Amino acid sequence: MKFPDYFADAEASFEKAEYIIFGIPYDKTGSFRRGTNKGPTEIRQASWNFETYDLLNNIDLKDIKIHDYGNLIFDKENEPKDMKKKVKNFTYKILDKDKIPLAIGGEHTVTYPIIQAFEKSKKDIAVIIFDAHLDYKDKYENNPESHACVVKRISEVVGVENIAVLGVRSGIQKEFDEAKKDGLLFINSFDINKKGIQWALDKVHNKFIDKDIYFSLDFDAIDPCYAPGTSTPEPFGLNPFDILQGIKLFSKKITGFDLVEVCPAYDRGETAILAARIIRYLITEVSLNKDG
């Protein structure tokens, strides 16, 4: 069945909305599976599966002003310069209107120009990233704009001291050595499994207690038994409730969000369904705390 091509319940105008959803169907540097450019459409379709009422937060999404702008269109498909310019400019437009950007990727590279827009807006943020991979390489396959370099690129914008990466379980030794030397806060999934997600979240919260938060969810942070449809699945990951706990803890301070690396061709729709549900939860959680 074909549903409307916008995110369910995102029916407010751009001018009146508090939250602006937009898709970034960019898939240039995938290193294992390709197809994340299909993520925004599949997640939108999956969003129509759910009731408007959110039991967890006792909020109805129809009472929240959400606008789905649609996908950003690039003049030159998968051209990095064009993608970065349009994503940065559009995100800046959202921030300039005091709205919260909610981006749906696409590969993780798209987070970098979003963070550049925050810098242009002179918003002082910390960036919390859930990711299976450290993504702290300076170059991957001789490409500094690879999805495997996104944390490194973001650190050049906000400073390594303003980033935390949770759920990590993959990377090369040199990458981890450099991250430790530079003082990057990263917490692996094995320690989270042993000590609990609240331990990890408290560690991050204490570091960024005075900061607004940009929240980036690379869907491969979640174990592939829950989310198999990602571009680079990595076993021994987090579970969906870990993500909800993170959103809940930081909801009062979340000023932007992206969800990336959903690769719909590699499952039967369950990853897109989970992604859509997490987006809906984030909107209700942020709204609840903002108004409360």
Protein backbone atom coordinates (compact mmCIF):
# COMPACT_ATOMS: atom_id res chain seq x y z
CA MET A 1 0.00 0.00 0.00
CA LYS A 2 1.26 3.47 -0.89
CA PHE A 3 0.86 6.12 1.79
CA PRO A 4 1.33 9.90 1.50
CA ASP A 5 4.93 10.92 0.83
CA TYR A 6 5.30 13.02 3.98
CA PHE A 7 5.99 11.92 7.56
CA ALA A 8 2.74 10.98 9.30
CA ASP A 9 1.17 13.81 11.34
CA ALA A 10 3.66 16.36 9.98
CA GLU A 11 0.92 18.58 8.57
CA ALA A 12 1.74 22.05 9.92
CA SER A 13 3.08 24.74 7.61
CA PHE A 14 6.76 25.61 7.70
CA GLU A 15 5.95 28.97 9.26
CA LYS A 16 3.85 27.55 12.11
CA ALA A 17 5.84 24.38 12.79
CA GLU A 18 8.15 23.87 15.75
CA TYR A 19 9.86 20.86 14.15
CA ILE A 20 11.04 20.66 10.54
CA ILE A 21 11.63 17.20 9.10
CA PHE A 22 13.67 16.98 5.91
CA GLY A 23 15.23 14.13 3.98
CA ILE A 24 18.81 14.01 2.70
CA PRO A 25 18.94 11.15 0.16
CA TYR A 26 22.72 11.22 -0.16
CA ASP A 27 24.68 7.98 -0.66
CA LYS A 28 28.10 8.73 -2.07
CA THR A 29 30.67 6.96 0.12
CA GLY A 30 29.05 3.76 1.39
CA SER A 31 31.79 1.21 2.03
CA PHE A 32 29.78 -2.01 2.41
CA ARG A 33 26.15 -1.67 1.34
CA ARG A 34 24.62 1.08 -0.74
CA GLY A 35 21.08 2.37 -0.71
CA THR A 36 20.81 4.80 2.21
CA ASN A 37 19.42 7.34 -0.27
CA LYS A 38 16.19 5.31 -0.08
CA GLY A 39 16.04 5.72 3.71
CA PRO A 40 14.01 8.95 3.92
CA THR A 41 11.19 7.63 1.72
CA GLU A 42 10.95 4.27 3.47
CA ILE A 43 10.98 5.85 6.94
CA ARG A 44 8.19 8.22 5.90
CA GLN A 45 6.12 5.30 4.61
CA ALA A 46 6.74 3.38 7.83
CA SER A 47 5.59 6.35 9.92
CA TRP A 48 1.99 5.77 8.77
CA ASN A 49 1.95 2.50 10.73
CA PHE A 50 1.48 4.28 14.07
CA GLU A 51 -1.38 5.80 16.00
CA THR A 52 -1.13 9.54 16.56
CA TYR A 53 -1.20 9.03 20.34
CA ASP A 54 2.11 8.32 22.10
CA LEU A 55 1.39 6.17 25.15
CA LEU A 56 4.89 6.65 26.58
CA ASN A 57 4.50 10.41 26.90
CA ASN A 58 0.71 10.82 26.91
CA ILE A 59 0.93 13.19 23.95
CA ASP A 60 -0.87 13.14 20.63
CA LEU A 61 1.33 14.03 17.67
CA LYS A 62 -1.57 15.78 15.96
CA ASP A 63 -1.28 18.42 18.72
CA ILE A 64 2.39 19.11 17.92
CA LYS A 65 3.29 21.45 15.07
CA ILE A 66 5.47 19.40 12.69
CA HIS A 67 6.31 20.15 9.07
CA ASP A 68 7.84 17.73 6.58
CA TYR A 69 9.66 19.74 3.94
CA GLY A 70 10.39 16.68 1.83
CA ASN A 71 13.77 15.69 0.47
CA LEU A 72 16.49 18.15 -0.43
CA ILE A 73 17.18 17.84 -4.15
CA PHE A 74 20.73 18.06 -5.39
CA ASP A 75 21.56 19.49 -8.80
CA LYS A 76 24.34 16.98 -9.22
CA GLU A 77 23.43 13.63 -7.70
CA ASN A 78 25.80 12.60 -4.91
CA GLU A 79 28.08 15.60 -5.47
CA PRO A 80 29.61 16.36 -2.02
CA LYS A 81 30.01 20.10 -2.55
CA ASP A 82 26.39 20.52 -3.68
CA MET A 83 25.08 18.35 -0.84
CA LYS A 84 27.01 20.20 1.85
CA LYS A 85 25.98 23.63 0.59
CA LYS A 86 22.27 22.79 0.40
CA VAL A 87 22.15 20.96 3.73
CA LYS A 88 24.02 23.74 5.52
CA ASN A 89 21.89 26.50 4.00
CA PHE A 90 18.59 24.75 4.65
CA THR A 91 19.50 23.86 8.23
CA TYR A 92 20.54 27.46 8.82
CA LYS A 93 17.14 28.60 7.53
CA ILE A 94 15.46 26.34 10.09
CA LEU A 95 17.65 27.56 12.93
CA ASP A 96 17.19 31.18 11.91
CA LYS A 97 13.45 30.71 12.44
CA ASP A 98 14.04 29.16 15.90
CA LYS A 99 12.77 25.76 14.84
CA ILE A 100 14.25 22.32 15.50
CA PRO A 101 15.73 20.49 12.48
CA LEU A 102 15.07 16.75 12.19
CA ALA A 103 17.06 15.29 9.31
CA ILE A 104 16.60 11.83 7.82
CA GLY A 105 19.54 10.38 5.87
CA GLY A 106 21.17 9.20 3.81
CA GLU A 107 24.65 8.35 4.93
CA HIS A 108 26.27 9.80 8.05
CA THR A 109 28.28 12.34 6.06
CA VAL A 110 25.20 14.57 6.03
CA THR A 111 25.66 15.41 9.72
CA TYR A 112 28.75 17.51 9.01
CA PRO A 113 27.06 20.38 7.10
CA ILE A 114 24.22 20.39 9.63
CA ILE A 115 26.76 21.06 12.37
CA GLN A 116 28.30 23.76 10.20
CA ALA A 117 24.89 25.45 10.12
CA PHE A 118 24.79 25.46 13.92
CA GLU A 119 28.21 27.11 13.93
CA LYS A 120 27.00 29.72 11.44
CA SER A 121 24.01 30.36 13.72
CA LYS A 122 26.46 30.87 16.61
CA LYS A 123 24.72 28.19 18.66
CA ASP A 124 26.94 26.66 21.32
CA ILE A 125 26.27 22.92 21.16
CA ALA A 126 27.70 19.58 22.10
CA VAL A 127 27.23 16.71 19.66
CA ILE A 128 26.16 13.31 20.97
CA ILE A 129 26.53 10.54 18.42
CA PHE A 130 25.29 6.97 18.71
CA ASP A 131 27.37 4.92 16.29
CA ALA A 132 28.92 1.46 15.95
CA HIS A 133 31.95 3.02 14.30
CA LEU A 134 34.31 5.66 15.66
CA ASP A 135 34.41 7.49 12.29
CA TYR A 136 37.52 9.40 13.37
CA LYS A 137 39.66 8.70 10.33
CA ASP A 138 41.18 11.71 8.61
CA LYS A 139 40.71 9.95 5.25
CA TYR A 140 39.13 6.70 4.14
CA GLU A 141 40.05 5.32 0.72
CA ASN A 142 41.86 8.65 0.24
CA ASN A 143 38.60 10.53 0.76
CA PRO A 144 38.35 13.00 3.68
CA GLU A 145 34.61 13.34 3.01
CA SER A 146 33.82 9.67 3.61
CA HIS A 147 31.16 8.60 6.08
CA ALA A 148 34.05 6.97 7.97
CA CYS A 149 35.47 10.44 8.69
CA VAL A 150 32.37 12.26 9.91
CA VAL A 151 33.33 12.51 13.61
CA LYS A 152 36.76 13.82 12.63
CA ARG A 153 35.18 16.47 10.38
CA ILE A 154 32.67 17.48 13.06
CA SER A 155 35.50 17.84 15.59
CA GLU A 156 37.03 20.47 13.30
CA VAL A 157 33.84 22.52 13.68
CA VAL A 158 32.83 22.21 17.34
CA GLY A 159 36.07 20.94 18.88
CA VAL A 160 36.77 17.38 19.97
CA GLU A 161 35.91 18.34 23.56
CA ASN A 162 32.29 18.91 22.51
CA ILE A 163 31.66 15.44 21.07
CA ALA A 164 30.71 12.13 22.64
CA VAL A 165 30.27 8.85 20.73
CA LEU A 166 28.33 5.99 22.31
CA GLY A 167 27.99 2.36 21.23
CA VAL A 168 31.34 2.17 19.41
CA ARG A 169 32.66 -1.28 18.57
CA SER A 170 34.53 -0.86 15.29
CA GLY A 171 37.50 1.09 13.94
CA ILE A 172 41.20 0.73 13.23
CA GLN A 173 43.78 0.85 16.02
CA LYS A 174 45.36 4.08 14.77
CA GLU A 175 41.95 5.72 14.84
CA PHE A 176 41.34 4.78 18.47
CA ASP A 177 44.86 5.79 19.47
CA GLU A 178 44.42 9.22 17.90
CA ALA A 179 40.99 9.68 19.46
CA LYS A 180 42.40 8.91 22.91
CA LYS A 181 45.31 11.28 22.35
CA ASP A 182 42.96 14.05 21.25
CA GLY A 183 40.66 13.52 24.24
CA LEU A 184 37.56 12.35 22.36
CA LEU A 185 34.97 10.87 24.70
CA PHE A 186 33.81 7.56 23.29
CA ILE A 187 32.17 4.66 25.10
CA ASN A 188 32.11 1.20 23.59
CA SER A 189 29.09 -1.07 23.54
CA PHE A 190 30.83 -3.74 25.61
CA ASP A 191 31.28 -1.36 28.56
CA ILE A 192 27.68 -0.20 28.12
CA ASN A 193 26.50 -3.81 28.23
CA LYS A 194 28.56 -4.44 31.37
CA LYS A 195 27.89 -1.20 33.28
CA GLY A 196 24.54 -0.15 31.85
CA ILE A 197 23.38 2.59 29.50
CA GLN A 198 22.57 4.93 32.39
CA TRP A 199 26.23 4.83 33.48
CA ALA A 200 27.29 5.89 29.99
CA LEU A 201 24.63 8.58 29.67
CA ASP A 202 25.48 10.04 33.07
CA LYS A 203 29.12 10.28 32.03
CA VAL A 204 28.14 12.25 28.93
CA HIS A 205 25.57 14.35 30.78
CA ASN A 206 28.12 15.42 33.37
CA LYS A 207 30.51 16.49 30.62
CA PHE A 208 27.90 18.54 28.75
CA ILE A 209 25.77 19.71 31.65
CA ASP A 210 25.76 23.35 30.47
CA LYS A 211 25.42 22.64 26.74
CA ASP A 212 22.58 22.39 24.28
CA ILE A 213 22.68 19.06 22.48
CA TYR A 214 22.68 17.99 18.86
CA PHE A 215 21.75 14.30 18.72
CA SER A 216 22.95 12.14 15.82
CA LEU A 217 21.79 8.54 15.53
CA ASP A 218 23.65 6.33 13.11
CA PHE A 219 21.31 3.37 13.02
CA ASP A 220 24.13 0.85 13.05
CA ALA A 221 24.62 1.76 16.73
CA ILE A 222 21.64 -0.51 17.31
CA ASP A 223 22.37 -4.22 17.15
CA PRO A 224 21.50 -5.72 13.74
CA CYS A 225 19.11 -8.20 15.36
CA TYR A 226 16.84 -5.14 15.89
CA ALA A 227 17.90 -3.13 12.84
CA PRO A 228 19.38 -5.29 10.07
CA GLY A 229 18.71 -2.76 7.31
CA THR A 230 21.79 -0.59 7.70
CA SER A 231 24.73 0.04 5.41
CA THR A 232 27.43 -1.31 7.74
CA PRO A 233 25.84 -3.60 10.36
CA GLU A 234 28.00 -4.46 13.36
CA PRO A 235 27.05 -7.13 15.95
CA PHE A 236 27.13 -6.63 19.73
CA GLY A 237 25.28 -3.35 19.60
CA LEU A 238 22.82 -1.36 21.66
CA ASN A 239 19.12 -2.06 21.95
CA PRO A 240 16.32 0.37 21.06
CA PHE A 241 15.53 1.13 24.71
CA ASP A 242 19.10 2.42 25.13
CA ILE A 243 18.36 5.01 22.46
CA LEU A 244 15.07 6.01 24.10
CA GLN A 245 16.87 6.46 27.41
CA GLY A 246 19.41 8.73 25.77
CA ILE A 247 16.72 10.84 24.14
CA LYS A 248 14.83 11.10 27.42
CA LEU A 249 17.86 12.23 29.44
CA PHE A 250 18.84 14.98 27.00
CA SER A 251 15.37 15.93 25.74
CA LYS A 252 15.28 19.29 27.54
CA LYS A 253 18.44 20.33 25.69
CA ILE A 254 18.04 18.74 22.25
CA THR A 255 18.14 21.47 19.58
CA GLY A 256 18.57 19.25 16.53
CA PHE A 257 18.54 15.61 15.49
CA ASP A 258 19.44 13.36 12.60
CA LEU A 259 18.86 9.69 11.93
CA VAL A 260 21.09 8.18 9.26
CA GLU A 261 22.32 4.99 7.58
CA VAL A 262 18.99 3.16 7.21
CA CYS A 263 19.44 0.96 4.14
CA PRO A 264 15.98 -0.42 3.27
CA ALA A 265 17.01 -3.00 0.68
CA TYR A 266 18.53 -5.27 3.31
CA ASP A 267 15.52 -6.15 5.45
CA ARG A 268 11.73 -6.44 5.26
CA GLY A 269 10.96 -2.98 6.54
CA GLU A 270 11.59 -3.51 10.25
CA THR A 271 14.50 -1.05 10.41
CA ALA A 272 12.50 1.77 8.83
CA ILE A 273 9.62 1.03 11.20
CA LEU A 274 11.91 1.30 14.21
CA ALA A 275 13.48 4.48 12.81
CA ALA A 276 10.10 6.13 12.29
CA ARG A 277 9.00 5.19 15.80
CA ILE A 278 12.17 6.64 17.35
CA ILE A 279 11.64 9.92 15.48
CA ARG A 280 8.08 10.09 16.77
CA TYR A 281 9.24 9.36 20.31
CA LEU A 282 11.90 12.07 20.13
CA ILE A 283 9.37 14.67 19.02
CA THR A 284 6.97 13.86 21.85
CA GLU A 285 9.74 13.66 24.44
CA VAL A 286 11.27 17.00 23.45
CA SER A 287 7.82 18.60 23.31
CA LEU A 288 6.90 17.24 26.74
CA ASN A 289 10.02 18.63 28.38
CA LYS A 290 9.98 21.92 26.51
CA ASP A 291 6.43 22.64 27.61
CA GLY A 292 6.76 21.12 31.05
